[in-house]
């Protein structure tokens, strides 16, 4: 019996962010978790789905810097996060947490 090798690719969320509604829901869920590195990774997914080059132009940051900052391996500084969020056309708002 011969073994058949199956070629697979790593999962990349950027391949599944096809609409603004999906992007917003994805970010909403990530923000609920409250993990800054996860937020950075999610913004990186969105940037790759939309085009990292355009985001670099819009933020004034280099593509390389954005790839590193939005990798999810570390939490980028708040200045970078806010630049990216604004350049993507989002705004953050706060609401009180429900009392348990």
Protein backbone atom coordinates (compact mmCIF):
# COMPACT_ATOMS: atom_id res chain seq x y z
CA UNK A 1 0.00 0.00 0.00
CA UNK A 2 1.39 3.40 -0.94
CA UNK A 3 1.06 6.39 1.28
CA UNK A 4 -0.46 9.49 -0.23
CA UNK A 5 0.89 12.77 1.04
CA UNK A 6 -1.62 15.52 1.47
CA UNK A 7 -0.35 19.05 1.07
CA UNK A 8 -1.84 21.50 3.52
CA UNK A 9 -1.38 25.18 4.26
CA UNK A 10 -1.42 26.80 7.67
CA UNK A 11 -4.70 28.44 8.60
CA UNK A 12 -4.72 32.17 7.86
CA UNK A 13 -7.70 34.19 9.09
CA UNK A 14 -6.97 36.85 6.46
CA UNK A 15 -8.31 34.45 3.83
CA UNK A 16 -11.74 34.46 5.49
CA UNK A 17 -12.36 38.16 6.13
CA UNK A 18 -14.48 38.81 3.06
CA UNK A 19 -16.83 41.54 4.30
CA UNK A 20 -16.81 44.48 6.67
CA UNK A 21 -19.40 42.72 8.83
CA UNK A 22 -17.03 39.76 9.29
CA UNK A 23 -14.14 42.10 10.08
CA UNK A 24 -16.17 44.02 12.68
CA UNK A 25 -17.44 40.82 14.33
CA UNK A 26 -13.92 39.40 14.42
CA UNK A 27 -12.58 42.54 16.11
CA UNK A 28 -15.51 42.66 18.53
CA UNK A 29 -14.78 39.13 19.70
CA UNK A 30 -11.06 39.78 20.03
CA UNK A 31 -11.66 42.95 22.03
CA UNK A 32 -13.93 41.06 24.44
CA UNK A 33 -11.02 38.75 25.26
CA UNK A 34 -8.92 41.73 26.33
CA UNK A 35 -5.54 40.40 25.14
CA UNK A 36 -3.39 43.14 23.52
CA UNK A 37 -1.25 40.64 21.58
CA UNK A 38 -4.39 38.97 20.24
CA UNK A 39 -5.73 42.38 19.19
CA UNK A 40 -2.46 43.08 17.37
CA UNK A 41 -2.66 39.71 15.59
CA UNK A 42 -6.29 40.35 14.58
CA UNK A 43 -5.37 43.77 13.18
CA UNK A 44 -2.56 42.02 11.30
CA UNK A 45 -5.06 39.54 9.83
CA UNK A 46 -7.27 42.40 8.69
CA UNK A 47 -4.30 44.32 7.28
CA UNK A 48 -3.21 41.29 5.25
CA UNK A 49 -6.77 40.78 4.00
CA UNK A 50 -7.02 44.42 2.90
CA UNK A 51 -3.42 45.00 1.84
CA UNK A 52 -0.48 45.77 4.09
CA UNK A 53 1.06 48.19 1.59
CA UNK A 54 -1.92 50.53 1.72
CA UNK A 55 -1.97 50.39 5.52
CA UNK A 56 1.72 51.32 5.56
CA UNK A 57 0.97 54.36 3.40
CA UNK A 58 -2.00 55.36 5.55
CA UNK A 59 -0.12 55.07 8.85
CA UNK A 60 3.26 56.33 7.73
CA UNK A 61 4.87 53.17 9.11
CA UNK A 62 6.95 50.72 7.09
CA UNK A 63 5.46 47.40 5.97
CA UNK A 64 8.19 45.56 7.88
CA UNK A 65 7.39 47.45 11.05
CA UNK A 66 3.68 46.70 10.64
CA UNK A 67 4.31 42.99 10.05
CA UNK A 68 6.38 42.84 13.25
CA UNK A 69 3.96 44.97 15.30
CA UNK A 70 0.87 43.08 14.13
CA UNK A 71 2.29 39.56 14.33
CA UNK A 72 0.69 38.79 17.68
CA UNK A 73 4.03 37.74 19.13
CA UNK A 74 4.05 40.84 21.29
CA UNK A 75 1.75 43.73 22.03
CA UNK A 76 2.69 46.84 20.03
CA UNK A 77 2.78 50.23 21.69
CA UNK A 78 -0.46 52.16 21.96
CA UNK A 79 0.62 54.78 19.41
CA UNK A 80 1.01 52.11 16.73
CA UNK A 81 -2.30 50.47 17.67
CA UNK A 82 -4.20 53.74 17.44
CA UNK A 83 -2.56 54.66 14.12
CA UNK A 84 -3.55 51.28 12.67
CA UNK A 85 -7.08 51.38 14.06
CA UNK A 86 -7.67 54.88 12.67
CA UNK A 87 -6.11 54.06 9.29
CA UNK A 88 -8.39 51.03 8.99
CA UNK A 89 -11.41 53.28 9.46
CA UNK A 90 -12.39 52.10 12.92
CA UNK A 91 -13.02 53.94 16.15
CA UNK A 92 -13.03 52.50 19.62
CA UNK A 93 -15.75 53.18 22.12
CA UNK A 94 -16.29 52.06 25.67
CA UNK A 95 -19.32 50.91 27.55
CA UNK A 96 -19.71 49.82 31.16
CA UNK A 97 -19.32 46.15 31.84
CA UNK A 98 -22.52 44.51 33.05
CA UNK A 99 -22.54 43.87 36.78
CA UNK A 100 -22.64 40.20 37.69
